[in-house]
Amino acid sequence: MLGPGSIAVIGLAALVMFGPKKLPELGKAAGKTLREFKNATKGMMDEEDDKKESEQLKK
């Protein structure tokens, strides 16, 4: 797990590497990517649950 000190160091490194103008864009892109990944995995889990339910109904 990352502690507050580690997060601060990572944030400072990102600020130095990308600059203050680019960081909001990177944050938005990371959030969008995580949201899409979460939606895709949720969709896969829903399909799996539907498949299990239909197999149980057949029994």
N, C-alpha and C. Protein backbone atom coordinates (compact mmCIF):
# COMPACT_ATOMS: atom_id res chain seq x y z
N MET A 1 0.84 -1.18 0.00
CA MET A 1 0.00 0.00 0.00
C MET A 1 0.88 1.24 0.00
N LEU A 2 0.43 2.26 -0.65
CA LEU A 2 1.19 3.51 -0.71
C LEU A 2 0.80 4.42 0.45
N GLY A 3 1.80 4.93 1.11
CA GLY A 3 1.55 5.87 2.19
C GLY A 3 1.52 7.29 1.66
N PRO A 4 1.21 8.26 2.51
CA PRO A 4 1.14 9.65 2.07
C PRO A 4 2.48 10.18 1.56
N GLY A 5 3.57 9.74 2.16
CA GLY A 5 4.89 10.18 1.71
C GLY A 5 5.20 9.69 0.31
N SER A 6 4.86 8.44 0.04
CA SER A 6 5.10 7.86 -1.29
C SER A 6 4.26 8.57 -2.35
N ILE A 7 3.02 8.85 -2.01
CA ILE A 7 2.15 9.54 -2.96
C ILE A 7 2.67 10.94 -3.26
N ALA A 8 3.18 11.61 -2.24
CA ALA A 8 3.74 12.95 -2.43
C ALA A 8 4.96 12.90 -3.34
N VAL A 9 5.81 11.92 -3.16
CA VAL A 9 7.01 11.78 -4.01
C VAL A 9 6.60 11.49 -5.45
N ILE A 10 5.63 10.61 -5.64
CA ILE A 10 5.16 10.30 -6.99
C ILE A 10 4.55 11.54 -7.63
N GLY A 11 3.75 12.28 -6.88
CA GLY A 11 3.15 13.51 -7.40
C GLY A 11 4.19 14.54 -7.78
N LEU A 12 5.20 14.70 -6.95
CA LEU A 12 6.28 15.65 -7.25
C LEU A 12 7.05 15.23 -8.49
N ALA A 13 7.33 13.94 -8.61
CA ALA A 13 8.04 13.44 -9.80
C ALA A 13 7.21 13.68 -11.06
N ALA A 14 5.90 13.44 -10.98
CA ALA A 14 5.03 13.67 -12.13
C ALA A 14 5.00 15.15 -12.49
N LEU A 15 4.98 16.01 -11.48
CA LEU A 15 4.96 17.45 -11.72
C LEU A 15 6.24 17.89 -12.43
N VAL A 16 7.36 17.36 -12.00
CA VAL A 16 8.64 17.71 -12.63
C VAL A 16 8.72 17.16 -14.05
N MET A 17 8.26 15.94 -14.25
CA MET A 17 8.37 15.30 -15.57
C MET A 17 7.42 15.91 -16.60
N PHE A 18 6.18 16.17 -16.21
CA PHE A 18 5.17 16.58 -17.18
C PHE A 18 4.81 18.05 -17.12
N GLY A 19 5.08 18.71 -16.03
CA GLY A 19 4.75 20.12 -15.90
C GLY A 19 3.33 20.32 -15.40
N PRO A 20 3.06 21.48 -14.83
CA PRO A 20 1.74 21.72 -14.23
C PRO A 20 0.60 21.82 -15.25
N LYS A 21 0.89 22.17 -16.49
CA LYS A 21 -0.18 22.32 -17.48
C LYS A 21 -0.64 20.96 -18.00
N LYS A 22 0.23 19.98 -18.01
CA LYS A 22 -0.09 18.68 -18.58
C LYS A 22 -0.74 17.73 -17.57
N LEU A 23 -0.53 17.96 -16.27
CA LEU A 23 -1.04 17.04 -15.25
C LEU A 23 -2.57 16.87 -15.26
N PRO A 24 -3.36 17.94 -15.38
CA PRO A 24 -4.82 17.72 -15.42
C PRO A 24 -5.25 16.84 -16.59
N GLU A 25 -4.60 17.02 -17.74
CA GLU A 25 -4.93 16.20 -18.90
C GLU A 25 -4.60 14.73 -18.64
N LEU A 26 -3.46 14.49 -18.01
CA LEU A 26 -3.07 13.12 -17.69
C LEU A 26 -4.02 12.50 -16.68
N GLY A 27 -4.46 13.28 -15.71
CA GLY A 27 -5.41 12.78 -14.72
C GLY A 27 -6.74 12.42 -15.35
N LYS A 28 -7.23 13.26 -16.26
CA LYS A 28 -8.48 12.97 -16.95
C LYS A 28 -8.36 11.71 -17.79
N ALA A 29 -7.24 11.57 -18.49
CA ALA A 29 -7.03 10.39 -19.33
C ALA A 29 -6.96 9.12 -18.47
N ALA A 30 -6.27 9.21 -17.34
CA ALA A 30 -6.17 8.05 -16.45
C ALA A 30 -7.55 7.69 -15.89
N GLY A 31 -8.33 8.67 -15.50
CA GLY A 31 -9.67 8.42 -14.99
C GLY A 31 -10.58 7.80 -16.03
N LYS A 32 -10.49 8.29 -17.24
CA LYS A 32 -11.30 7.75 -18.33
C LYS A 32 -10.92 6.30 -18.61
N THR A 33 -9.63 6.02 -18.62
CA THR A 33 -9.16 4.66 -18.87
C THR A 33 -9.64 3.71 -17.78
N LEU A 34 -9.51 4.13 -16.52
CA LEU A 34 -9.98 3.28 -15.42
C LEU A 34 -11.48 3.05 -15.47
N ARG A 35 -12.24 4.09 -15.83
CA ARG A 35 -13.69 3.97 -15.93
C ARG A 35 -14.07 2.97 -17.02
N GLU A 36 -13.39 3.06 -18.19
CA GLU A 36 -13.68 2.13 -19.28
C GLU A 36 -13.33 0.70 -18.89
N PHE A 37 -12.20 0.53 -18.20
CA PHE A 37 -11.79 -0.81 -17.76
C PHE A 37 -12.81 -1.38 -16.77
N LYS A 38 -13.26 -0.54 -15.85
CA LYS A 38 -14.24 -0.98 -14.86
C LYS A 38 -15.54 -1.38 -15.53
N ASN A 39 -16.00 -0.59 -16.50
CA ASN A 39 -17.24 -0.91 -17.21
C ASN A 39 -17.10 -2.21 -18.01
N ALA A 40 -15.93 -2.42 -18.61
CA ALA A 40 -15.71 -3.63 -19.40
C ALA A 40 -15.71 -4.86 -18.50
N THR A 41 -15.03 -4.79 -17.36
CA THR A 41 -14.99 -5.94 -16.47
C THR A 41 -16.37 -6.18 -15.85
N LYS A 42 -17.11 -5.12 -15.57
CA LYS A 42 -18.47 -5.28 -15.03
C LYS A 42 -19.35 -5.99 -16.05
N GLY A 43 -19.20 -5.61 -17.31
CA GLY A 43 -19.96 -6.25 -18.37
C GLY A 43 -19.64 -7.73 -18.49
N MET A 44 -18.37 -8.07 -18.34
CA MET A 44 -17.96 -9.47 -18.41
C MET A 44 -18.52 -10.25 -17.22
N MET A 45 -18.50 -9.64 -16.04
CA MET A 45 -19.03 -10.30 -14.85
C MET A 45 -20.54 -10.50 -14.96
N ASP A 46 -21.24 -9.51 -15.53
CA ASP A 46 -22.69 -9.63 -15.71
C ASP A 46 -23.02 -10.78 -16.66
N GLU A 47 -22.23 -10.91 -17.73
CA GLU A 47 -22.44 -11.99 -18.69
C GLU A 47 -22.22 -13.34 -18.02
N GLU A 48 -21.18 -13.43 -17.20
CA GLU A 48 -20.88 -14.67 -16.49
C GLU A 48 -22.01 -15.03 -15.53
N ASP A 49 -22.53 -14.03 -14.82
CA ASP A 49 -23.64 -14.28 -13.88
C ASP A 49 -24.89 -14.74 -14.64
N ASP A 50 -25.16 -14.11 -15.79
CA ASP A 50 -26.32 -14.51 -16.58
C ASP A 50 -26.18 -15.95 -17.06
N LYS A 51 -24.98 -16.33 -17.45
CA LYS A 51 -24.72 -17.68 -17.93
C LYS A 51 -24.95 -18.69 -16.81
N LYS A 52 -24.45 -18.39 -15.61
CA LYS A 52 -24.63 -19.29 -14.47
C LYS A 52 -26.10 -19.43 -14.11
N GLU A 53 -26.84 -18.33 -14.15
CA GLU A 53 -28.27 -18.37 -13.82
C GLU A 53 -29.04 -19.20 -14.82
N SER A 54 -28.73 -19.06 -16.10
CA SER A 54 -29.43 -19.84 -17.12
C SER A 54 -29.11 -21.31 -16.99
N GLU A 55 -27.87 -21.65 -16.61
CA GLU A 55 -27.51 -23.06 -16.42
C GLU A 55 -28.23 -23.64 -15.22
N GLN A 56 -28.42 -22.85 -14.16
CA GLN A 56 -29.12 -23.33 -12.98
C GLN A 56 -30.61 -23.53 -13.27
N LEU A 57 -31.18 -22.68 -14.10
CA LEU A 57 -32.59 -22.81 -14.45
C LEU A 57 -32.84 -24.06 -15.30
N LYS A 58 -31.85 -24.47 -16.08
CA LYS A 58 -31.99 -25.63 -16.92
C LYS A 58 -32.00 -26.92 -16.11
N LYS A 59 -31.39 -26.89 -14.94
CA LYS A 59 -31.28 -28.10 -14.10
C LYS A 59 -32.55 -28.45 -13.44
